[in-house]
């Protein structure tokens, strides 16, 4: 009894003597073609217009915004994620509609995004809640390809509640539309650009806390990730501060594990990679691979009639409108914030 009384006295007069923990949830989601219904004169967005073969009208656009809002809210469980990376968003207007005029408006998100030279006009973006992440700055980083345009990298810097600086890189690497081998040099170039950005942060940051998230259109074992980024599987023994670690790579070795399904096979195209300092549990801001997941929410899946099992419940399956969510599943990670 005396011990309990003493503990209560200590907590009353010396609240700084014990550590509190909170969670900062960060997610990434390829939202599958979030286009508005207006023609962009300098982009190839003809597929997503009311008069197109897809018949992309305002009703479908509004449903898409509602669906994305539902996913983000559901991934947050008790409260929506503090930070959300997105790819396949067309422009500033769709992000305004998502954050201000969809059910997501209740959660007070702000956003930053790229303005890439991608032929279709799709970009990457970051949503954030200002009370959880104080924005310091952001930049678009171009990937110079000789014979095609692609999405810029989005580098965002901010401060979290522990007063630590967090650098976030959101990416959508060039697709495999020409085949894996033919298109691989483009993703290698993108990975080299990303690696150069990361290396510069390792030099200028005294305590580099970096998160890379995105649809890299490659699997963890592919050259762009395993060799160019050199993203390793975290080991319990020790992690180097100036090294990148892939939080989902080990889990992706299991069959039927992935964020995307292609010809009946699940695979991990959506990645969460962190710098080693974020794996240091003695710090005020840290995580580990047990705190990273694919969000396999039941409403995001539908029966796979061709290959069996389940597949992502998409907006379009081929040219057929399904009214679902995306051809990718979201990925997310929890950062543990420890403060006194």
Protein backbone atom coordinates (compact mmCIF):
# COMPACT_ATOMS: atom_id res chain seq x y z
CA UNK A 1 0.00 0.00 0.00
CA UNK A 2 2.81 2.39 0.93
CA UNK A 3 4.47 1.72 -2.45
CA UNK A 4 1.30 2.71 -4.30
CA UNK A 5 1.00 5.93 -2.28
CA UNK A 6 4.65 6.77 -2.95
CA UNK A 7 4.19 6.16 -6.68
CA UNK A 8 1.17 8.47 -6.77
CA UNK A 9 3.14 11.21 -5.01
CA UNK A 10 6.02 10.85 -7.48
CA UNK A 11 3.67 11.04 -10.47
CA UNK A 12 1.94 14.10 -9.03
CA UNK A 13 5.01 16.17 -8.24
CA UNK A 14 7.54 14.71 -10.71
CA UNK A 15 5.60 13.85 -13.90
CA UNK A 16 8.81 14.07 -15.90
CA UNK A 17 10.28 11.03 -14.17
CA UNK A 18 8.41 8.47 -16.27
CA UNK A 19 8.16 7.95 -20.00
CA UNK A 20 4.92 8.11 -21.95
CA UNK A 21 4.44 6.44 -25.31
CA UNK A 22 2.29 7.48 -28.20
CA UNK A 23 1.93 6.21 -31.77
CA UNK A 24 2.43 8.06 -35.01
CA UNK A 25 0.83 6.02 -37.79
CA UNK A 26 2.12 6.58 -41.32
CA UNK A 27 0.50 4.94 -44.34
CA UNK A 28 1.02 4.77 -48.07
CA UNK A 29 -1.67 4.06 -50.66
CA UNK A 30 -1.67 3.76 -54.43
CA UNK A 31 -5.23 4.95 -54.99
CA UNK A 32 -5.53 3.75 -58.62
CA UNK A 33 -6.21 6.67 -60.93
CA UNK A 34 -7.73 9.45 -58.85
CA UNK A 35 -8.64 11.70 -61.79
CA UNK A 36 -11.11 14.55 -61.89
CA UNK A 37 -13.63 14.74 -64.75
CA UNK A 38 -12.12 17.75 -66.55
CA UNK A 39 -9.84 17.64 -69.61
CA UNK A 40 -6.25 18.75 -69.03
CA UNK A 41 -5.03 20.21 -72.31
CA UNK A 42 -1.39 19.22 -71.73
CA UNK A 43 -1.89 15.72 -70.26
CA UNK A 44 -3.12 12.40 -71.59
CA UNK A 45 -6.16 12.05 -69.33
CA UNK A 46 -8.72 11.21 -72.03
CA UNK A 47 -9.52 7.85 -70.42
CA UNK A 48 -11.03 9.57 -67.41
CA UNK A 49 -13.63 11.87 -68.90
CA UNK A 50 -17.44 11.56 -68.99
CA UNK A 51 -17.45 10.90 -72.76
CA UNK A 52 -14.62 8.34 -72.63
CA UNK A 53 -14.99 4.57 -72.87
CA UNK A 54 -14.67 4.43 -69.06
CA UNK A 55 -17.54 6.93 -68.66
CA UNK A 56 -15.76 8.63 -65.77
CA UNK A 57 -18.49 11.00 -64.57
CA UNK A 58 -18.96 13.10 -61.45
CA UNK A 59 -20.91 10.41 -59.58
CA UNK A 60 -18.08 7.91 -59.97
CA UNK A 61 -15.51 10.55 -59.04
CA UNK A 62 -17.41 11.44 -55.86
CA UNK A 63 -17.72 7.75 -54.92
CA UNK A 64 -13.97 7.36 -55.46
CA UNK A 65 -13.26 10.22 -53.02
CA UNK A 66 -15.59 8.66 -50.46
CA UNK A 67 -13.93 5.27 -50.89
CA UNK A 68 -10.42 6.68 -50.37
CA UNK A 69 -11.65 8.53 -47.28
CA UNK A 70 -13.05 5.30 -45.90
CA UNK A 71 -9.77 3.46 -46.43
CA UNK A 72 -7.64 6.13 -44.75
CA UNK A 73 -9.99 6.33 -41.78
CA UNK A 74 -10.16 2.53 -41.44
CA UNK A 75 -6.37 2.12 -41.54
CA UNK A 76 -6.17 4.57 -38.65
CA UNK A 77 -8.49 2.39 -36.53
CA UNK A 78 -9.14 4.64 -33.50
CA UNK A 79 -8.01 7.80 -35.27
CA UNK A 80 -6.86 8.42 -38.85
CA UNK A 81 -3.14 8.12 -39.68
CA UNK A 82 -1.14 11.25 -38.92
CA UNK A 83 0.70 11.09 -42.26
CA UNK A 84 -0.54 9.59 -45.54
CA UNK A 85 1.47 9.16 -48.73
CA UNK A 86 -0.53 8.82 -51.94
CA UNK A 87 0.27 8.07 -55.55
CA UNK A 88 -1.78 8.18 -58.78
CA UNK A 89 -3.41 11.50 -57.90
CA UNK A 90 -3.98 13.76 -60.89
CA UNK A 91 -3.70 17.30 -59.58
CA UNK A 92 -4.24 19.85 -56.85
CA UNK A 93 -8.00 19.84 -57.38
CA UNK A 94 -8.47 16.16 -56.50
CA UNK A 95 -6.52 16.66 -53.29
CA UNK A 96 -8.59 19.70 -52.38
CA UNK A 97 -11.75 17.70 -53.00
CA UNK A 98 -10.39 14.80 -50.94
CA UNK A 99 -9.28 16.88 -47.94
CA UNK A 100 -12.03 19.55 -47.93
CA UNK A 101 -15.15 18.10 -49.55
CA UNK A 102 -15.10 14.37 -48.79
CA UNK A 103 -15.70 12.66 -45.41
CA UNK A 104 -11.96 13.10 -44.80
CA UNK A 105 -12.57 16.82 -44.13
CA UNK A 106 -13.33 16.00 -40.50
CA UNK A 107 -9.69 15.08 -39.87
CA UNK A 108 -8.00 18.35 -40.80
CA UNK A 109 -5.45 17.14 -43.31
CA UNK A 110 -3.16 19.50 -45.18
CA UNK A 111 -1.16 18.32 -48.17
CA UNK A 112 1.84 18.86 -50.39
CA UNK A 113 2.38 17.29 -53.79
CA UNK A 114 4.60 17.13 -56.86
CA UNK A 115 3.94 18.63 -60.28
CA UNK A 116 5.58 15.98 -62.43
CA UNK A 117 6.11 15.73 -66.19
CA UNK A 118 4.36 12.33 -66.25
CA UNK A 119 2.49 11.99 -69.55
CA UNK A 120 -0.82 11.05 -67.91
CA UNK A 121 -0.47 13.79 -65.31
CA UNK A 122 -0.39 11.61 -62.21
CA UNK A 123 1.61 12.67 -59.17
CA UNK A 124 2.50 11.73 -55.62
CA UNK A 125 1.36 13.58 -52.50
CA UNK A 126 1.60 13.65 -48.74
CA UNK A 127 -1.30 14.38 -46.39
CA UNK A 128 -0.45 15.37 -42.83
CA UNK A 129 -2.14 16.57 -39.67
CA UNK A 130 -0.50 19.77 -38.44
CA UNK A 131 -0.78 18.93 -34.75
CA UNK A 132 1.20 15.71 -35.36
CA UNK A 133 3.66 16.82 -38.03
CA UNK A 134 4.94 20.38 -38.35
CA UNK A 135 5.93 20.93 -41.96
CA UNK A 136 9.37 22.50 -42.43
CA UNK A 137 9.60 22.19 -46.20
CA UNK A 138 9.26 19.99 -49.25
CA UNK A 139 10.70 19.59 -52.72
CA UNK A 140 10.04 17.69 -55.94
CA UNK A 141 13.04 15.74 -57.17
CA UNK A 142 13.07 15.02 -60.87
CA UNK A 143 14.17 11.70 -62.32
CA UNK A 144 15.90 12.40 -65.62
CA UNK A 145 15.07 9.67 -68.11
CA UNK A 146 16.24 9.88 -71.70
CA UNK A 147 13.14 8.77 -73.58
CA UNK A 148 10.18 9.06 -71.20
CA UNK A 149 8.80 11.23 -68.41
CA UNK A 150 7.89 9.89 -65.01
CA UNK A 151 6.77 10.97 -61.56
CA UNK A 152 9.02 13.14 -59.41
CA UNK A 153 10.08 12.03 -55.96
CA UNK A 154 8.47 14.01 -53.16
CA UNK A 155 10.81 14.83 -50.25
CA UNK A 156 9.06 16.27 -47.18
CA UNK A 157 10.71 17.42 -43.95
CA UNK A 158 8.89 18.04 -40.69
CA UNK A 159 9.06 17.85 -36.92
CA UNK A 160 7.06 15.39 -34.81
CA UNK A 161 5.95 15.69 -31.18
CA UNK A 162 9.26 14.40 -29.82
CA UNK A 163 10.86 17.41 -31.58
CA UNK A 164 12.78 15.04 -33.85
CA UNK A 165 13.15 15.89 -37.54
CA UNK A 166 11.64 13.35 -39.92
CA UNK A 167 12.47 13.18 -43.64
CA UNK A 168 9.85 11.39 -45.75
CA UNK A 169 10.33 10.43 -49.40
CA UNK A 170 7.20 9.42 -51.34
CA UNK A 171 7.75 7.69 -54.67
CA UNK A 172 6.03 6.07 -57.63
CA UNK A 173 8.69 4.46 -59.82
CA UNK A 174 8.21 3.87 -63.57
CA UNK A 175 5.80 1.06 -64.39
CA UNK A 176 6.40 -2.37 -65.88
CA UNK A 177 4.10 -1.69 -68.84
CA UNK A 178 6.88 -2.51 -71.34
CA UNK A 179 7.74 -5.70 -69.47
CA UNK A 180 9.93 -6.19 -66.41
CA UNK A 181 13.27 -6.46 -68.20
CA UNK A 182 12.72 -3.69 -70.76
CA UNK A 183 11.50 -1.23 -68.11
CA UNK A 184 13.98 -2.12 -65.36
CA UNK A 185 16.60 0.52 -66.38
CA UNK A 186 14.03 3.25 -65.68
CA UNK A 187 13.45 2.00 -62.13
CA UNK A 188 17.18 1.65 -61.58
CA UNK A 189 17.59 5.29 -62.60
CA UNK A 190 14.80 6.28 -60.21
CA UNK A 191 16.44 4.29 -57.42
CA UNK A 192 19.81 5.97 -58.09
CA UNK A 193 18.15 9.38 -57.82
CA UNK A 194 16.51 8.35 -54.56
CA UNK A 195 19.77 6.92 -53.23
CA UNK A 196 21.56 10.18 -53.99
CA UNK A 197 18.91 12.07 -52.03
CA UNK A 198 19.22 9.68 -49.08
CA UNK A 199 23.02 9.89 -49.07
CA UNK A 200 22.85 13.68 -48.97
CA UNK A 201 20.55 13.44 -45.93
CA UNK A 202 22.98 11.08 -44.23
CA UNK A 203 25.63 13.77 -44.67
CA UNK A 204 23.70 16.87 -43.61
CA UNK A 205 21.56 15.39 -40.80
CA UNK A 206 23.20 14.83 -37.44
CA UNK A 207 20.48 12.29 -36.64
CA UNK A 208 19.02 11.06 -39.97
CA UNK A 209 15.49 9.72 -39.49
CA UNK A 210 14.28 8.84 -42.97
CA UNK A 211 11.18 7.02 -44.21
CA UNK A 212 10.80 5.96 -47.84
CA UNK A 213 7.34 4.84 -48.90
CA UNK A 214 5.87 4.21 -52.28
CA UNK A 215 4.89 2.01 -55.16
CA UNK A 216 8.32 1.19 -56.54
CA UNK A 217 6.95 -1.21 -59.20
CA UNK A 218 9.60 -3.72 -58.13
CA UNK A 219 9.76 -6.43 -55.50
CA UNK A 220 12.21 -6.35 -52.56
CA UNK A 221 14.58 -8.79 -54.29
CA UNK A 222 14.80 -6.71 -57.51
CA UNK A 223 17.95 -4.77 -58.28
CA UNK A 224 16.49 -1.28 -57.76
CA UNK A 225 15.70 -2.07 -54.12
CA UNK A 226 18.13 -4.79 -53.04
CA UNK A 227 21.24 -3.36 -54.76
CA UNK A 228 20.79 0.31 -55.67
CA UNK A 229 18.90 1.35 -52.54
CA UNK A 230 20.62 -1.49 -50.66
CA UNK A 231 17.59 -1.84 -48.40
CA UNK A 232 18.41 -4.67 -46.00
CA UNK A 233 16.24 -6.83 -43.77
CA UNK A 234 16.56 -5.54 -40.18
CA UNK A 235 18.47 -7.79 -37.80
CA UNK A 236 17.73 -7.86 -34.09
CA UNK A 237 21.40 -7.70 -33.17
CA UNK A 238 22.26 -4.26 -34.53
CA UNK A 239 21.38 -1.74 -37.20
CA UNK A 240 23.62 0.95 -38.64
CA UNK A 241 22.33 4.53 -38.44
CA UNK A 242 23.37 5.39 -42.02
CA UNK A 243 21.87 2.29 -43.61
CA UNK A 244 18.44 1.61 -45.11
CA UNK A 245 16.22 -1.21 -43.85
CA UNK A 246 13.13 -2.68 -45.49
CA UNK A 247 10.42 -3.30 -42.90
CA UNK A 248 8.25 -5.59 -45.05
CA UNK A 249 10.88 -7.53 -47.03
CA UNK A 250 11.12 -10.47 -44.64
CA UNK A 251 7.35 -10.89 -44.50
CA UNK A 252 7.15 -10.75 -48.30
CA UNK A 253 9.02 -14.06 -48.55
CA UNK A 254 5.81 -15.81 -47.49
CA UNK A 255 3.48 -17.04 -50.19
CA UNK A 256 0.23 -15.13 -50.69
CA UNK A 257 1.72 -12.03 -49.08
CA UNK A 258 1.66 -8.76 -50.94
CA UNK A 259 0.02 -5.45 -51.69
CA UNK A 260 -0.78 -6.24 -55.34
CA UNK A 261 -1.91 -9.33 -57.23
CA UNK A 262 -0.70 -10.08 -60.76
CA UNK A 263 -1.78 -13.17 -62.70
CA UNK A 264 -2.86 -14.91 -59.52
CA UNK A 265 0.32 -14.15 -57.55
CA UNK A 266 0.53 -11.73 -54.65
CA UNK A 267 3.65 -9.57 -54.51
CA UNK A 268 4.96 -6.56 -52.62
CA UNK A 269 5.14 -3.51 -54.87
CA UNK A 270 4.41 -1.01 -52.09
CA UNK A 271 7.29 -0.50 -49.69
CA UNK A 272 8.24 1.00 -46.34
CA UNK A 273 11.98 1.54 -45.90
CA UNK A 274 13.60 3.37 -42.99
CA UNK A 275 17.03 4.55 -41.93
CA UNK A 276 18.74 2.60 -39.16
CA UNK A 277 18.33 5.29 -36.51
CA UNK A 278 14.57 4.70 -36.56
CA UNK A 279 15.21 1.14 -35.38
CA UNK A 280 17.07 2.27 -32.28
CA UNK A 281 14.67 1.59 -29.40
CA UNK A 282 16.70 3.75 -27.02
CA UNK A 283 15.65 6.85 -28.95
CA UNK A 284 12.51 8.93 -28.53
CA UNK A 285 11.23 7.99 -32.00
CA UNK A 286 11.54 4.44 -33.25
CA UNK A 287 9.85 1.45 -34.87
CA UNK A 288 10.54 -2.12 -36.00
CA UNK A 289 9.27 -4.57 -38.60
CA UNK A 290 6.61 -5.88 -36.21
CA UNK A 291 5.00 -2.44 -36.41
CA UNK A 292 4.72 -2.45 -40.22
CA UNK A 293 1.81 -4.05 -42.07
CA UNK A 294 -0.26 -4.42 -45.19
CA UNK A 295 -3.84 -3.35 -44.52
CA UNK A 296 -5.82 -6.42 -45.57
CA UNK A 297 -9.17 -4.92 -44.63
CA UNK A 298 -12.03 -7.23 -45.72
CA UNK A 299 -13.87 -4.57 -47.72
CA UNK A 300 -10.73 -3.97 -49.84
CA UNK A 301 -10.88 -7.54 -51.20
CA UNK A 302 -13.19 -9.40 -53.54
CA UNK A 303 -13.28 -13.01 -54.83
CA UNK A 304 -10.78 -13.72 -57.60
CA UNK A 305 -12.93 -15.66 -60.03
CA UNK A 306 -10.09 -16.33 -62.49
CA UNK A 307 -7.24 -17.44 -60.21
CA UNK A 308 -9.01 -18.29 -56.97
CA UNK A 309 -8.71 -16.77 -53.53
CA UNK A 310 -9.16 -13.02 -53.29
CA UNK A 311 -7.87 -9.97 -55.12
CA UNK A 312 -8.02 -6.21 -54.50
CA UNK A 313 -11.48 -4.73 -55.07
CA UNK A 314 -10.66 -2.24 -57.81
CA UNK A 315 -12.32 0.84 -59.24
CA UNK A 316 -11.96 -0.67 -62.71
CA UNK A 317 -11.15 -4.28 -63.54
CA UNK A 318 -9.87 -3.93 -67.08
CA UNK A 319 -12.39 -1.57 -68.65
CA UNK A 320 -15.25 -2.77 -66.43
CA UNK A 321 -16.31 -0.40 -63.67
CA UNK A 322 -16.42 -2.25 -60.32
CA UNK A 323 -16.84 0.73 -58.01
CA UNK A 324 -14.21 -0.57 -55.59
CA UNK A 325 -11.16 1.02 -54.04
CA UNK A 326 -7.82 0.29 -55.74
CA UNK A 327 -5.72 -2.40 -57.40
CA UNK A 328 -3.26 -2.01 -54.48
CA UNK A 329 -3.62 -2.51 -50.75
CA UNK A 330 -2.34 0.17 -48.34
CA UNK A 331 0.80 -0.33 -46.27
CA UNK A 332 1.51 1.38 -42.97
CA UNK A 333 3.95 1.64 -40.09
CA UNK A 334 3.65 2.82 -36.51
CA UNK A 335 6.38 5.01 -35.07
CA UNK A 336 6.57 4.91 -31.29
CA UNK A 337 7.02 8.32 -29.70
CA UNK A 338 8.55 8.24 -26.26
CA UNK A 339 8.66 11.48 -24.29
CA UNK A 340 8.87 12.55 -20.66
